[in-house]
PDB file of N, CA and C in Angstrom:
ATOM      1  N   UNK A   1       9.824  45.350   3.363  1.00  0.00           N
ATOM      2  CA  UNK A   1      10.170  44.083   4.005  1.00  0.00           C
ATOM      3  C   UNK A   1       8.914  43.178   4.083  1.00  0.00           C
ATOM      4  N   UNK A   2       7.842  43.727   4.558  1.00  0.00           N
ATOM      5  CA  UNK A   2       6.603  42.944   4.694  1.00  0.00           C
ATOM      6  C   UNK A   2       6.065  42.557   3.352  1.00  0.00           C
ATOM      7  N   UNK A   3       6.200  43.455   2.357  1.00  0.00           N
ATOM      8  CA  UNK A   3       5.737  43.107   1.009  1.00  0.00           C
ATOM      9  C   UNK A   3       6.468  41.925   0.437  1.00  0.00           C
ATOM     10  N   UNK A   4       7.773  41.872   0.687  1.00  0.00           N
ATOM     11  CA  UNK A   4       8.567  40.733   0.237  1.00  0.00           C
ATOM     12  C   UNK A   4       8.104  39.433   0.889  1.00  0.00           C
ATOM     13  N   UNK A   5       7.843  39.496   2.183  1.00  0.00           N
ATOM     14  CA  UNK A   5       7.363  38.301   2.878  1.00  0.00           C
ATOM     15  C   UNK A   5       5.955  37.875   2.366  1.00  0.00           C
ATOM     16  N   UNK A   6       5.131  38.826   2.136  1.00  0.00           N
ATOM     17  CA  UNK A   6       3.789  38.538   1.631  1.00  0.00           C
ATOM     18  C   UNK A   6       3.842  37.970   0.199  1.00  0.00           C
ATOM     19  N   UNK A   7       4.820  38.371  -0.506  1.00  0.00           N
ATOM     20  CA  UNK A   7       4.988  37.868  -1.895  1.00  0.00           C
ATOM     21  C   UNK A   7       5.205  36.364  -1.932  1.00  0.00           C
ATOM     22  N   UNK A   8       5.872  35.855  -0.893  1.00  0.00           N
ATOM     23  CA  UNK A   8       6.187  34.441  -0.839  1.00  0.00           C
ATOM     24  C   UNK A   8       5.204  33.620  -0.046  1.00  0.00           C
ATOM     25  N   UNK A   9       4.194  34.279   0.551  1.00  0.00           N
ATOM     26  CA  UNK A   9       3.194  33.595   1.390  1.00  0.00           C
ATOM     27  C   UNK A   9       2.444  32.482   0.643  1.00  0.00           C
ATOM     28  N   UNK A  10       1.952  32.734  -0.567  1.00  0.00           N
ATOM     29  CA  UNK A  10       1.262  31.622  -1.279  1.00  0.00           C
ATOM     30  C   UNK A  10       2.091  30.440  -1.490  1.00  0.00           C
ATOM     31  N   UNK A  11       3.350  30.616  -1.807  1.00  0.00           N
ATOM     32  CA  UNK A  11       4.296  29.499  -1.996  1.00  0.00           C
ATOM     33  C   UNK A  11       4.448  28.704  -0.748  1.00  0.00           C
ATOM     34  N   UNK A  12       4.612  29.387   0.429  1.00  0.00           N
ATOM     35  CA  UNK A  12       4.745  28.675   1.693  1.00  0.00           C
ATOM     36  C   UNK A  12       3.470  27.966   2.103  1.00  0.00           C
ATOM     37  N   UNK A  13       2.327  28.599   1.853  1.00  0.00           N
ATOM     38  CA  UNK A  13       1.089  27.976   2.177  1.00  0.00           C
ATOM     39  C   UNK A  13       0.850  26.730   1.356  1.00  0.00           C
ATOM     40  N   UNK A  14       1.169  26.787   0.071  1.00  0.00           N
ATOM     41  CA  UNK A  14       1.038  25.645  -0.829  1.00  0.00           C
ATOM     42  C   UNK A  14       1.926  24.472  -0.387  1.00  0.00           C
ATOM     43  N   UNK A  15       3.172  24.808  -0.007  1.00  0.00           N
ATOM     44  CA  UNK A  15       4.109  23.784   0.493  1.00  0.00           C
ATOM     45  C   UNK A  15       3.561  23.131   1.768  1.00  0.00           C
ATOM     46  N   UNK A  16       3.052  23.970   2.672  1.00  0.00           N
ATOM     47  CA  UNK A  16       2.449  23.491   3.948  1.00  0.00           C
ATOM     48  C   UNK A  16       1.295  22.569   3.652  1.00  0.00           C
ATOM     49  N   UNK A  17       0.381  22.982   2.811  1.00  0.00           N
ATOM     50  CA  UNK A  17      -0.800  22.167   2.499  1.00  0.00           C
ATOM     51  C   UNK A  17      -0.383  20.792   1.862  1.00  0.00           C
ATOM     52  N   UNK A  18       0.618  20.827   1.014  1.00  0.00           N
ATOM     53  CA  UNK A  18       1.079  19.559   0.423  1.00  0.00           C
ATOM     54  C   UNK A  18       1.666  18.637   1.459  1.00  0.00           C
ATOM     55  N   UNK A  19       2.361  19.211   2.439  1.00  0.00           N
ATOM     56  CA  UNK A  19       2.900  18.376   3.519  1.00  0.00           C
ATOM     57  C   UNK A  19       1.842  17.815   4.409  1.00  0.00           C
ATOM     58  N   UNK A  20       0.869  18.630   4.762  1.00  0.00           N
ATOM     59  CA  UNK A  20      -0.208  18.179   5.685  1.00  0.00           C
ATOM     60  C   UNK A  20      -1.058  17.119   5.055  1.00  0.00           C
ATOM     61  N   UNK A  21      -1.363  17.214   3.772  1.00  0.00           N
ATOM     62  CA  UNK A  21      -2.217  16.252   3.090  1.00  0.00           C
ATOM     63  C   UNK A  21      -1.465  15.019   2.589  1.00  0.00           C
ATOM     64  N   UNK A  22      -0.152  15.081   2.588  1.00  0.00           N
ATOM     65  CA  UNK A  22       0.652  13.915   2.067  1.00  0.00           C
ATOM     66  C   UNK A  22       0.834  13.987   0.542  1.00  0.00           C
ATOM     67  N   UNK A  23       0.437  15.018  -0.055  1.00  0.00           N
ATOM     68  CA  UNK A  23       0.581  15.172  -1.517  1.00  0.00           C
ATOM     69  C   UNK A  23       2.044  15.145  -1.983  1.00  0.00           C
ATOM     70  N   UNK A  24       2.939  15.554  -1.061  1.00  0.00           N
ATOM     71  CA  UNK A  24       4.381  15.550  -1.507  1.00  0.00           C
ATOM     72  C   UNK A  24       5.116  14.343  -0.980  1.00  0.00           C
ATOM     73  N   UNK A  25       4.407  13.281  -0.673  1.00  0.00           N
ATOM     74  CA  UNK A  25       5.032  12.041  -0.102  1.00  0.00           C
ATOM     75  C   UNK A  25       6.091  11.477  -1.055  1.00  0.00           C
ATOM     76  N   UNK A  26       5.781  11.441  -2.318  1.00  0.00           N
ATOM     77  CA  UNK A  26       6.740  10.856  -3.282  1.00  0.00           C
ATOM     78  C   UNK A  26       7.982  11.703  -3.363  1.00  0.00           C
ATOM     79  N   UNK A  27       7.848  13.021  -3.397  1.00  0.00           N
ATOM     80  CA  UNK A  27       9.039  13.902  -3.439  1.00  0.00           C
ATOM     81  C   UNK A  27       9.858  13.721  -2.189  1.00  0.00           C
ATOM     82  N   UNK A  28       9.224  13.616  -1.033  1.00  0.00           N
ATOM     83  CA  UNK A  28       9.954  13.378   0.220  1.00  0.00           C
ATOM     84  C   UNK A  28      10.655  12.018   0.176  1.00  0.00           C
ATOM     85  N   UNK A  29       9.996  11.003  -0.370  1.00  0.00           N
ATOM     86  CA  UNK A  29      10.618   9.684  -0.484  1.00  0.00           C
ATOM     87  C   UNK A  29      11.868   9.749  -1.346  1.00  0.00           C
ATOM     88  N   UNK A  30      11.778  10.413  -2.487  1.00  0.00           N
ATOM     89  CA  UNK A  30      12.949  10.550  -3.367  1.00  0.00           C
ATOM     90  C   UNK A  30      14.067  11.202  -2.662  1.00  0.00           C
ATOM     91  N   UNK A  31      13.807  12.302  -1.963  1.00  0.00           N
ATOM     92  CA  UNK A  31      14.832  13.061  -1.218  1.00  0.00           C
ATOM     93  C   UNK A  31      15.462  12.153  -0.158  1.00  0.00           C
ATOM     94  N   UNK A  32      14.631  11.421   0.540  1.00  0.00           N
ATOM     95  CA  UNK A  32      15.171  10.541   1.573  1.00  0.00           C
ATOM     96  C   UNK A  32      16.023   9.398   0.962  1.00  0.00           C
ATOM     97  N   UNK A  33      15.576   8.849  -0.147  1.00  0.00           N
ATOM     98  CA  UNK A  33      16.323   7.742  -0.776  1.00  0.00           C
ATOM     99  C   UNK A  33      17.690   8.239  -1.244  1.00  0.00           C
ATOM    100  N   UNK A  34      17.740   9.496  -1.819  1.00  0.00           N
ATOM    101  CA  UNK A  34      19.026  10.005  -2.262  1.00  0.00           C
ATOM    102  C   UNK A  34      19.972  10.269  -1.133  1.00  0.00           C
ATOM    103  N   UNK A  35      19.461  10.718   0.018  1.00  0.00           N
ATOM    104  CA  UNK A  35      20.276  11.022   1.169  1.00  0.00           C
ATOM    105  C   UNK A  35      20.695   9.795   1.944  1.00  0.00           C
ATOM    106  N   UNK A  36      19.774   8.895   2.197  1.00  0.00           N
ATOM    107  CA  UNK A  36      20.016   7.788   3.142  1.00  0.00           C
ATOM    108  C   UNK A  36      20.313   6.484   2.436  1.00  0.00           C
ATOM    109  N   UNK A  37      19.888   6.314   1.214  1.00  0.00           N
ATOM    110  CA  UNK A  37      20.051   5.037   0.522  1.00  0.00           C
ATOM    111  C   UNK A  37      20.547   5.236  -0.885  1.00  0.00           C
ATOM    112  N   UNK A  38      21.583   6.015  -1.034  1.00  0.00           N
ATOM    113  CA  UNK A  38      22.141   6.296  -2.349  1.00  0.00           C
ATOM    114  C   UNK A  38      22.622   5.013  -2.983  1.00  0.00           C
ATOM    115  N   UNK A  39      22.328   4.861  -4.255  1.00  0.00           N
ATOM    116  CA  UNK A  39      22.791   3.656  -4.978  1.00  0.00           C
ATOM    117  C   UNK A  39      21.734   2.597  -5.015  1.00  0.00           C
ATOM    118  N   UNK A  40      20.733   2.612  -4.131  1.00  0.00           N
ATOM    119  CA  UNK A  40      19.679   1.617  -4.167  1.00  0.00           C
ATOM    120  C   UNK A  40      18.613   2.012  -5.192  1.00  0.00           C
ATOM    121  N   UNK A  41      17.931   1.017  -5.738  1.00  0.00           N
ATOM    122  CA  UNK A  41      16.902   1.383  -6.716  1.00  0.00           C
ATOM    123  C   UNK A  41      15.789   2.169  -6.087  1.00  0.00           C
ATOM    124  N   UNK A  42      15.200   3.090  -6.843  1.00  0.00           N
ATOM    125  CA  UNK A  42      14.159   3.971  -6.378  1.00  0.00           C
ATOM    126  C   UNK A  42      12.849   3.527  -7.055  1.00  0.00           C
ATOM    127  N   UNK A  43      11.798   3.444  -6.247  1.00  0.00           N
ATOM    128  CA  UNK A  43      10.479   3.065  -6.781  1.00  0.00           C
ATOM    129  C   UNK A  43       9.938   4.149  -7.687  1.00  0.00           C
ATOM    130  N   UNK A  44       9.206   3.709  -8.679  1.00  0.00           N
ATOM    131  CA  UNK A  44       8.501   4.673  -9.533  1.00  0.00           C
ATOM    132  C   UNK A  44       7.342   5.222  -8.772  1.00  0.00           C
ATOM    133  N   UNK A  45       6.747   6.303  -9.254  1.00  0.00           N
ATOM    134  CA  UNK A  45       5.614   6.914  -8.542  1.00  0.00           C
ATOM    135  C   UNK A  45       4.442   5.889  -8.383  1.00  0.00           C
ATOM    136  N   UNK A  46       4.054   5.164  -9.466  1.00  0.00           N
ATOM    137  CA  UNK A  46       2.950   4.209  -9.253  1.00  0.00           C
ATOM    138  C   UNK A  46       3.336   3.079  -8.261  1.00  0.00           C
ATOM    139  N   UNK A  47       4.601   2.610  -8.287  1.00  0.00           N
ATOM    140  CA  UNK A  47       5.023   1.554  -7.331  1.00  0.00           C
ATOM    141  C   UNK A  47       4.957   2.101  -5.920  1.00  0.00           C
ATOM    142  N   UNK A  48       5.410   3.343  -5.731  1.00  0.00           N
ATOM    143  CA  UNK A  48       5.422   3.959  -4.404  1.00  0.00           C
ATOM    144  C   UNK A  48       3.994   4.015  -3.845  1.00  0.00           C
ATOM    145  N   UNK A  49       3.068   4.526  -4.616  1.00  0.00           N
ATOM    146  CA  UNK A  49       1.740   4.685  -4.101  1.00  0.00           C
ATOM    147  C   UNK A  49       0.999   3.359  -3.913  1.00  0.00           C
ATOM    148  N   UNK A  50       1.322   2.371  -4.761  1.00  0.00           N
ATOM    149  CA  UNK A  50       0.775   1.029  -4.585  1.00  0.00           C
ATOM    150  C   UNK A  50       1.279   0.406  -3.286  1.00  0.00           C
ATOM    151  N   UNK A  51       2.585   0.579  -2.972  1.00  0.00           N
ATOM    152  CA  UNK A  51       3.147   0.051  -1.766  1.00  0.00           C
ATOM    153  C   UNK A  51       2.503   0.754  -0.532  1.00  0.00           C
ATOM    154  N   UNK A  52       2.314   2.031  -0.632  1.00  0.00           N
ATOM    155  CA  UNK A  52       1.678   2.768   0.489  1.00  0.00           C
ATOM    156  C   UNK A  52       0.252   2.346   0.710  1.00  0.00           C
ATOM    157  N   UNK A  53      -0.467   2.126  -0.382  1.00  0.00           N
ATOM    158  CA  UNK A  53      -1.849   1.656  -0.233  1.00  0.00           C
ATOM    159  C   UNK A  53      -1.919   0.288   0.350  1.00  0.00           C
ATOM    160  N   UNK A  54      -1.034  -0.579  -0.126  1.00  0.00           N
ATOM    161  CA  UNK A  54      -1.017  -2.007   0.411  1.00  0.00           C
ATOM    162  C   UNK A  54      -0.651  -1.962   1.891  1.00  0.00           C
ATOM    163  N   UNK A  55       0.320  -1.130   2.311  1.00  0.00           N
ATOM    164  CA  UNK A  55       0.705  -1.087   3.716  1.00  0.00           C
ATOM    165  C   UNK A  55      -0.466  -0.539   4.588  1.00  0.00           C
ATOM    166  N   UNK A  56      -1.159   0.427   4.041  1.00  0.00           N
ATOM    167  CA  UNK A  56      -2.267   1.019   4.765  1.00  0.00           C
ATOM    168  C   UNK A  56      -3.455   0.119   4.975  1.00  0.00           C
ATOM    169  N   UNK A  57      -3.803  -0.666   3.943  1.00  0.00           N
ATOM    170  CA  UNK A  57      -5.056  -1.408   3.940  1.00  0.00           C
ATOM    171  C   UNK A  57      -4.865  -2.923   4.067  1.00  0.00           C
ATOM    172  N   UNK A  58      -3.655  -3.440   4.230  1.00  0.00           N
ATOM    173  CA  UNK A  58      -3.473  -4.844   4.263  1.00  0.00           C
ATOM    174  C   UNK A  58      -3.539  -5.433   5.657  1.00  0.00           C
ATOM    175  N   UNK A  59      -3.630  -4.645   6.706  1.00  0.00           N
ATOM    176  CA  UNK A  59      -3.688  -5.182   8.057  1.00  0.00           C
ATOM    177  C   UNK A  59      -4.978  -4.747   8.747  1.00  0.00           C
ATOM    178  N   UNK A  60      -5.293  -5.452   9.758  1.00  0.00           N
ATOM    179  CA  UNK A  60      -6.484  -5.167  10.528  1.00  0.00           C
ATOM    180  C   UNK A  60      -6.230  -3.914  11.378  1.00  0.00           C
ATOM    181  N   UNK A  61      -7.098  -2.953  11.307  1.00  0.00           N
ATOM    182  CA  UNK A  61      -6.894  -1.719  12.070  1.00  0.00           C
ATOM    183  C   UNK A  61      -8.009  -1.466  13.108  1.00  0.00           C
ATOM    184  N   UNK A  62      -8.646  -2.562  13.481  1.00  0.00           N
ATOM    185  CA  UNK A  62      -9.680  -2.422  14.506  1.00  0.00           C
ATOM    186  C   UNK A  62      -9.267  -3.234  15.713  1.00  0.00           C
ATOM    187  N   UNK A  63      -9.990  -3.067  16.784  1.00  0.00           N
ATOM    188  CA  UNK A  63      -9.597  -3.774  17.995  1.00  0.00           C
ATOM    189  C   UNK A  63     -10.062  -5.236  18.060  1.00  0.00           C
ATOM    190  N   UNK A  64     -11.150  -5.609  17.409  1.00  0.00           N
ATOM    191  CA  UNK A  64     -11.609  -7.010  17.462  1.00  0.00           C
ATOM    192  C   UNK A  64     -12.341  -7.425  16.275  1.00  0.00           C
TER     193      UNK A  64
END
């Protein structure tokens, strides 16, 4: 039983690391679009990351 669980540990760790670092953001976006906005156009990977970068860096993030 424990051997079976240990066999899948690297896969779970990799999935966790991708979630924590945001590496799987595009895959999560695609999943969300299919579930919540079916039929709407889906951004390509470069469009998605360009939009995220623009959102992150286009506004002032300091207090003054």
